[in-house]
Amino acid sequence: MKRNSGIFLLILSLFCSCKQEQQDCGISEEVSNIPLTLSIERLELPLFEAKSEVDIAYLLEEHPYFSEVYLRDDLYPSKEHLVNTLYGIPKDTLMQELYQEVSANYPSIDQLETDLLNAFKHIKYYYPDFEVPKVYTFVSGFTTDLYMDREMIVIGLDYFLPSDHRFQPPDLPEYMTSRYNRAHLVPMIVTAISSRYNATDLEDNSLLAEMMFYGKAYHFTQAILPCTPEEQIIGYTPEELAACYENEDFIWTKLIEQEAIYETNPFEVRKYTGEAPFTDVISPDAPGRVGRWVGWNIVDAYAEKKDIGLVKLMAQKDAQKIFMNSAYKP
């Protein structure tokens, strides 16, 4: 997507010009001293190591909310039927092989536990009413990557094997599987949590409103995970992110020329922010979801110009106000 030829520049050397230099990203003493604890429970272990149906029944009794909400026990004719179904999973050769691969790639989840705890402490710092949910890992057989509500997070570790692993989620297109790995896991969780605090005007269905929603979500994630590179937050490759910065003015000019930011047709809005291998309406070489990336830049510009804190920023539901007061200009 060169200015005139339409070829998207992929210049890694420009990556250092990204909007925020990562400075001292260590956790402050004020955050680290917040009295939170977290212990992630690996529920794939008692499932695949069960010696009898009694062991499975005990697993369900010990985790009734997991059984009710995640396993949807109401969909089974009886509890005994659910137990029998679960007991049969480890007997499936492919499921047993998948479990072994997960065990080999995640022999320990200590680092994941530490990263999530630090993230939760940051959230608690900004939002004192935040309560740490129960966190479980599981081998879902590629049925659920992440389940999240206020009480529970379930991580399907089979979705987060290395990007070049021979087991890949069959329900995800190739352009998405590159960000289903360990490095992107915690940013995904934090971005999902951000929606609790991301105030929106439900009557505004414009592209601008969608851009501001995602912009605030990524701004939130970067505030909660200050040591995390931008590409891991938005799910771009370093090359894609560098190219976006190199062509930022071109992207913005296209949005203005197309009078896109006030578009309300959901099919048109999706062309700029929806999951796709590229944003064809900008350039066939532009990465997908580029409207979200521009929204992130606008939100950052607004927060810096108005010197506004995270909580107040997330509570601002007026997308037009954020945009107009950002003085955004690539």
Protein backbone atom coordinates (compact mmCIF):
# COMPACT_ATOMS: atom_id res chain seq x y z
CA MET A 1 0.00 0.00 0.00
CA LYS A 2 2.57 2.51 -1.11
CA ARG A 3 1.23 5.99 -1.39
CA ASN A 4 0.70 5.73 -5.16
CA SER A 5 1.35 2.15 -6.26
CA GLY A 6 -0.88 0.35 -3.74
CA ILE A 7 1.89 -1.97 -2.49
CA PHE A 8 1.81 -2.30 1.28
CA LEU A 9 5.26 -1.62 2.74
CA LEU A 10 6.55 -4.12 5.27
CA ILE A 11 9.46 -2.28 6.86
CA LEU A 12 10.59 -3.77 10.13
CA SER A 13 13.10 -1.02 10.70
CA LEU A 14 10.24 1.39 11.27
CA PHE A 15 8.81 -0.72 14.07
CA CYS A 16 10.75 1.37 16.56
CA SER A 17 8.60 4.37 15.58
CA CYS A 18 5.46 2.86 17.11
CA LYS A 19 3.23 5.15 19.14
CA GLN A 20 4.57 4.19 22.56
CA GLU A 21 8.13 3.36 23.48
CA GLN A 22 8.12 0.63 26.12
CA GLN A 23 9.87 2.22 29.01
CA ASP A 24 10.13 0.82 32.52
CA CYS A 25 7.27 -1.66 32.42
CA GLY A 26 7.94 -3.28 35.75
CA ILE A 27 5.08 -3.61 38.22
CA SER A 28 4.93 -0.77 40.70
CA GLU A 29 5.17 -1.54 44.39
CA GLU A 30 1.66 -0.17 44.86
CA VAL A 31 0.28 -2.73 42.39
CA SER A 32 2.45 -5.66 43.50
CA ASN A 33 1.35 -5.18 47.12
CA ILE A 34 -2.33 -5.62 46.28
CA PRO A 35 -3.40 -8.70 48.28
CA LEU A 36 -4.62 -11.04 45.55
CA THR A 37 -3.97 -14.73 45.09
CA LEU A 38 -4.53 -16.98 42.11
CA SER A 39 -4.23 -20.72 41.69
CA ILE A 40 -5.03 -22.11 38.25
CA GLU A 41 -6.48 -25.61 38.43
CA ARG A 42 -5.69 -28.01 35.59
CA LEU A 43 -8.96 -29.89 35.07
CA GLU A 44 -7.60 -31.81 32.09
CA LEU A 45 -5.48 -33.82 34.52
CA PRO A 46 -8.28 -35.50 36.52
CA LEU A 47 -10.23 -36.06 33.28
CA PHE A 48 -7.50 -37.84 31.35
CA GLU A 49 -6.03 -39.61 34.36
CA ALA A 50 -9.37 -40.89 35.66
CA LYS A 51 -9.32 -44.59 36.58
CA SER A 52 -13.07 -45.01 36.75
CA GLU A 53 -16.38 -43.21 36.28
CA VAL A 54 -16.33 -42.58 40.02
CA ASP A 55 -13.33 -40.30 39.48
CA ILE A 56 -15.26 -38.35 36.83
CA ALA A 57 -18.29 -38.04 39.09
CA TYR A 58 -16.05 -36.71 41.84
CA LEU A 59 -14.56 -34.14 39.40
CA LEU A 60 -18.05 -32.84 38.60
CA GLU A 61 -19.08 -32.74 42.25
CA GLU A 62 -15.95 -30.76 43.12
CA HIS A 63 -16.62 -28.21 40.37
CA PRO A 64 -20.39 -27.79 40.04
CA TYR A 65 -20.23 -24.40 38.31
CA PHE A 66 -17.79 -25.77 35.72
CA SER A 67 -20.13 -28.71 35.15
CA GLU A 68 -23.22 -26.53 34.91
CA VAL A 69 -21.95 -23.64 32.79
CA TYR A 70 -18.98 -24.93 30.81
CA LEU A 71 -19.97 -28.56 30.27
CA ARG A 72 -23.68 -27.63 30.00
CA ASP A 73 -24.80 -30.58 32.06
CA ASP A 74 -28.44 -29.59 31.41
CA LEU A 75 -28.05 -30.81 27.83
CA TYR A 76 -27.50 -34.40 28.98
CA PRO A 77 -30.35 -36.76 29.88
CA SER A 78 -28.78 -37.41 33.26
CA LYS A 79 -25.65 -36.80 35.28
CA GLU A 80 -24.72 -40.42 34.70
CA HIS A 81 -24.85 -39.84 30.95
CA LEU A 82 -22.48 -36.88 31.26
CA VAL A 83 -20.11 -38.91 33.42
CA ASN A 84 -20.12 -41.74 30.89
CA THR A 85 -19.47 -39.31 28.02
CA LEU A 86 -16.54 -37.68 29.79
CA TYR A 87 -15.07 -41.02 30.79
CA GLY A 88 -15.01 -42.00 27.14
CA ILE A 89 -12.95 -38.98 26.04
CA PRO A 90 -9.53 -40.27 27.16
CA LYS A 91 -10.24 -43.55 25.41
CA ASP A 92 -10.27 -41.72 22.07
CA THR A 93 -6.83 -42.12 20.50
CA LEU A 94 -6.68 -38.62 19.01
CA MET A 95 -7.89 -36.99 22.22
CA GLN A 96 -5.28 -38.87 24.21
CA GLU A 97 -2.61 -37.75 21.75
CA LEU A 98 -3.82 -34.16 21.95
CA TYR A 99 -3.68 -34.34 25.75
CA GLN A 100 -0.10 -35.62 25.59
CA GLU A 101 0.88 -32.73 23.32
CA VAL A 102 -0.72 -30.22 25.68
CA SER A 103 1.12 -31.81 28.61
CA ALA A 104 4.41 -31.64 26.73
CA ASN A 105 3.95 -27.99 25.77
CA TYR A 106 2.55 -26.95 29.14
CA PRO A 107 4.46 -29.06 31.67
CA SER A 108 4.03 -26.12 34.05
CA ILE A 109 1.64 -23.20 34.08
CA ASP A 110 3.53 -21.24 36.74
CA GLN A 111 4.40 -18.43 34.33
CA LEU A 112 0.81 -18.22 33.08
CA GLU A 113 -0.36 -18.05 36.68
CA THR A 114 2.12 -15.25 37.44
CA ASP A 115 1.17 -13.27 34.34
CA LEU A 116 -2.54 -13.55 35.03
CA LEU A 117 -2.10 -12.64 38.68
CA ASN A 118 -0.15 -9.51 37.73
CA ALA A 119 -2.85 -8.61 35.23
CA PHE A 120 -5.57 -9.09 37.85
CA LYS A 121 -3.64 -6.91 40.30
CA HIS A 122 -3.48 -4.14 37.72
CA ILE A 123 -7.23 -4.43 37.09
CA LYS A 124 -7.88 -4.37 40.84
CA TYR A 125 -5.72 -1.25 41.10
CA TYR A 126 -7.95 0.62 38.64
CA TYR A 127 -11.21 -1.11 39.58
CA PRO A 128 -11.28 -2.01 43.30
CA ASP A 129 -14.54 -3.97 42.90
CA PHE A 130 -12.87 -6.48 40.57
CA GLU A 131 -13.00 -10.01 41.95
CA VAL A 132 -10.57 -12.71 40.85
CA PRO A 133 -12.47 -15.48 39.04
CA LYS A 134 -11.71 -19.16 39.32
CA VAL A 135 -9.34 -20.09 36.49
CA TYR A 136 -9.19 -23.57 35.01
CA THR A 137 -7.34 -25.13 32.10
CA PHE A 138 -8.87 -27.89 30.03
CA VAL A 139 -8.38 -29.86 26.83
CA SER A 140 -11.57 -29.13 24.94
CA GLY A 141 -10.94 -31.10 21.77
CA PHE A 142 -11.04 -27.80 19.89
CA THR A 143 -14.56 -26.95 20.98
CA THR A 144 -13.89 -23.86 23.14
CA ASP A 145 -10.79 -21.67 23.20
CA LEU A 146 -11.76 -19.40 26.10
CA TYR A 147 -14.85 -19.37 28.27
CA MET A 148 -15.16 -16.31 30.47
CA ASP A 149 -17.66 -14.84 32.88
CA ARG A 150 -17.25 -12.93 36.14
CA GLU A 151 -16.90 -16.11 38.18
CA MET A 152 -14.87 -18.40 35.95
CA ILE A 153 -12.31 -18.52 33.15
CA VAL A 154 -11.70 -21.79 31.31
CA ILE A 155 -8.68 -21.94 29.00
CA GLY A 156 -8.74 -24.58 26.29
CA LEU A 157 -5.00 -25.21 26.19
CA ASP A 158 -5.28 -27.24 22.99
CA TYR A 159 -6.05 -23.97 21.19
CA PHE A 160 -2.83 -22.41 22.48
CA LEU A 161 -0.22 -24.84 21.25
CA PRO A 162 2.65 -23.33 19.22
CA SER A 163 1.56 -21.74 15.94
CA ASP A 164 3.55 -24.29 13.92
CA HIS A 165 2.22 -27.28 15.84
CA ARG A 166 0.70 -30.11 13.83
CA PHE A 167 -2.49 -29.86 15.90
CA GLN A 168 -4.29 -26.70 14.81
CA PRO A 169 -7.88 -25.59 15.57
CA PRO A 170 -9.97 -26.78 12.61
CA ASP A 171 -12.59 -24.08 13.18
CA LEU A 172 -10.16 -21.17 12.71
CA PRO A 173 -8.85 -19.84 9.38
CA GLU A 174 -5.10 -19.86 8.91
CA TYR A 175 -4.77 -16.08 9.23
CA MET A 176 -6.13 -16.33 12.79
CA THR A 177 -4.24 -19.38 14.06
CA SER A 178 -0.97 -17.43 14.17
CA ARG A 179 -2.20 -15.60 17.25
CA TYR A 180 -3.46 -18.68 19.06
CA ASN A 181 -0.37 -19.38 21.12
CA ARG A 182 1.07 -18.80 24.58
CA ALA A 183 2.22 -15.23 23.88
CA HIS A 184 -1.28 -14.05 22.95
CA LEU A 185 -3.22 -15.90 25.65
CA VAL A 186 -3.11 -13.39 28.51
CA PRO A 187 -3.67 -10.36 26.21
CA MET A 188 -6.77 -12.14 24.83
CA ILE A 189 -8.11 -12.65 28.35
CA VAL A 190 -7.46 -9.05 29.41
CA THR A 191 -9.00 -7.65 26.22
CA ALA A 192 -12.11 -9.72 26.86
CA ILE A 193 -12.32 -8.46 30.45
CA SER A 194 -12.08 -4.88 29.18
CA SER A 195 -15.60 -5.14 27.76
CA ARG A 196 -16.98 -5.00 31.33
CA TYR A 197 -15.67 -1.47 31.68
CA ASN A 198 -15.95 -0.28 28.07
CA ALA A 199 -18.93 2.08 28.10
CA THR A 200 -20.69 2.36 24.75
CA ASP A 201 -23.58 4.28 23.25
CA LEU A 202 -25.85 1.47 22.10
CA GLU A 203 -27.61 3.82 19.69
CA ASP A 204 -24.40 4.60 17.83
CA ASN A 205 -23.70 1.83 15.33
CA SER A 206 -21.22 3.76 13.20
CA LEU A 207 -17.79 2.58 12.15
CA LEU A 208 -16.35 5.35 14.32
CA ALA A 209 -18.12 3.96 17.40
CA GLU A 210 -16.76 0.49 16.64
CA MET A 211 -13.26 1.88 16.14
CA MET A 212 -13.43 3.69 19.49
CA PHE A 213 -14.72 0.55 21.21
CA TYR A 214 -11.76 -1.50 20.03
CA GLY A 215 -9.38 1.39 20.57
CA LYS A 216 -10.41 1.58 24.23
CA ALA A 217 -10.16 -2.20 24.55
CA TYR A 218 -6.56 -2.22 23.32
CA HIS A 219 -5.69 0.87 25.37
CA PHE A 220 -7.05 -0.94 28.44
CA THR A 221 -5.03 -4.07 27.67
CA GLN A 222 -1.82 -2.10 27.25
CA ALA A 223 -2.41 -0.32 30.57
CA ILE A 224 -3.00 -3.66 32.32
CA LEU A 225 -0.10 -5.41 30.54
CA PRO A 226 2.50 -2.64 30.18
CA CYS A 227 5.30 -5.08 29.24
CA THR A 228 3.35 -6.69 26.40
CA PRO A 229 4.33 -5.72 22.83
CA GLU A 230 1.64 -4.04 20.76
CA GLU A 231 1.57 -6.81 18.17
CA GLN A 232 0.60 -9.34 20.85
CA ILE A 233 -2.25 -7.11 21.99
CA ILE A 234 -3.83 -6.60 18.56
CA GLY A 235 -2.72 -9.91 17.07
CA TYR A 236 -0.60 -8.63 14.19
CA THR A 237 2.80 -9.88 13.15
CA PRO A 238 5.68 -7.43 13.73
CA GLU A 239 5.83 -6.94 9.96
CA GLU A 240 2.13 -6.08 9.74
CA LEU A 241 2.36 -3.62 12.61
CA ALA A 242 5.46 -1.92 11.18
CA ALA A 243 3.72 -1.60 7.83
CA CYS A 244 0.64 -0.03 9.45
CA TYR A 245 2.78 2.65 11.07
CA GLU A 246 4.65 3.30 7.82
CA ASN A 247 1.35 3.75 5.97
CA GLU A 248 -0.73 5.35 8.72
CA ASP A 249 -1.41 8.54 6.78
CA PHE A 250 -2.39 6.52 3.69
CA ILE A 251 -4.83 4.41 5.73
CA TRP A 252 -6.38 7.46 7.33
CA THR A 253 -6.67 9.27 3.98
CA LYS A 254 -8.51 6.27 2.56
CA LEU A 255 -10.96 6.27 5.48
CA ILE A 256 -11.66 9.97 4.95
CA GLU A 257 -11.92 9.77 1.16
CA GLN A 258 -14.38 6.90 1.45
CA GLU A 259 -16.39 8.81 4.10
CA ALA A 260 -16.26 5.56 6.03
CA ILE A 261 -16.08 6.57 9.68
CA TYR A 262 -19.76 7.52 9.83
CA GLU A 263 -20.89 4.42 7.94
CA THR A 264 -23.66 2.55 9.80
CA ASN A 265 -24.34 -0.37 7.48
CA PRO A 266 -23.03 -3.34 9.52
CA PHE A 267 -21.83 -5.14 6.39
CA GLU A 268 -19.77 -2.11 5.41
CA VAL A 269 -18.49 -1.55 8.96
CA ARG A 270 -17.28 -5.14 9.11
CA LYS A 271 -15.04 -4.55 6.08
CA TYR A 272 -12.88 -2.27 8.24
CA THR A 273 -13.00 -3.97 11.64
CA GLY A 274 -14.07 -7.58 11.10
CA GLU A 275 -11.86 -10.65 11.11
CA ALA A 276 -10.33 -11.07 7.67
CA PRO A 277 -6.94 -11.87 6.14
CA PHE A 278 -6.70 -8.28 4.85
CA THR A 279 -8.66 -5.01 4.77
CA ASP A 280 -9.43 -4.98 1.07
CA VAL A 281 -11.33 -1.66 1.14
CA ILE A 282 -8.05 0.00 2.17
CA SER A 283 -5.64 -2.23 0.26
CA PRO A 284 -5.40 -5.94 -0.49
CA ASP A 285 -2.04 -5.80 1.31
CA ALA A 286 -3.37 -4.15 4.48
CA PRO A 287 -3.83 -6.53 7.44
CA GLY A 288 -7.34 -7.35 8.55
CA ARG A 289 -9.11 -5.30 11.24
CA VAL A 290 -7.08 -2.20 10.39
CA GLY A 291 -9.99 -0.01 11.52
CA ARG A 292 -9.46 -1.32 15.06
CA TRP A 293 -5.79 -0.33 14.88
CA VAL A 294 -6.66 3.21 13.77
CA GLY A 295 -9.20 3.40 16.60
CA TRP A 296 -6.45 2.46 19.05
CA ASN A 297 -4.28 5.30 17.79
CA ILE A 298 -7.14 7.79 18.08
CA VAL A 299 -7.93 6.68 21.64
CA ASP A 300 -4.26 6.93 22.63
CA ALA A 301 -4.10 10.41 21.13
CA TYR A 302 -7.22 11.44 23.05
CA ALA A 303 -5.93 10.04 26.36
CA GLU A 304 -2.60 11.82 25.94
CA LYS A 305 -4.04 15.14 24.79
CA LYS A 306 -6.70 15.30 27.51
CA ASP A 307 -4.41 13.70 30.13
CA ILE A 308 -7.23 11.36 31.06
CA GLY A 309 -6.88 8.28 33.26
CA LEU A 310 -7.91 4.76 32.33
CA VAL A 311 -11.14 4.62 34.35
CA LYS A 312 -12.44 7.92 33.03
CA LEU A 313 -11.42 6.99 29.49
CA MET A 314 -13.25 3.66 29.60
CA ALA A 315 -16.36 5.40 30.94
CA GLN A 316 -16.46 7.83 28.01
CA LYS A 317 -19.13 6.43 25.71
CA ASP A 318 -19.27 9.32 23.22
CA ALA A 319 -17.19 8.14 20.25
CA GLN A 320 -17.55 11.47 18.49
CA LYS A 321 -16.22 13.32 21.53
CA ILE A 322 -13.18 11.05 21.73
CA PHE A 323 -12.48 11.52 18.05
CA MET A 324 -12.96 15.29 17.93
CA ASN A 325 -10.90 15.90 21.06
CA SER A 326 -8.09 13.60 20.04
CA ALA A 327 -6.79 15.97 17.35
CA TYR A 328 -5.70 12.77 15.63
CA LYS A 329 -3.62 13.40 12.55
CA PRO A 330 -1.10 10.83 11.27
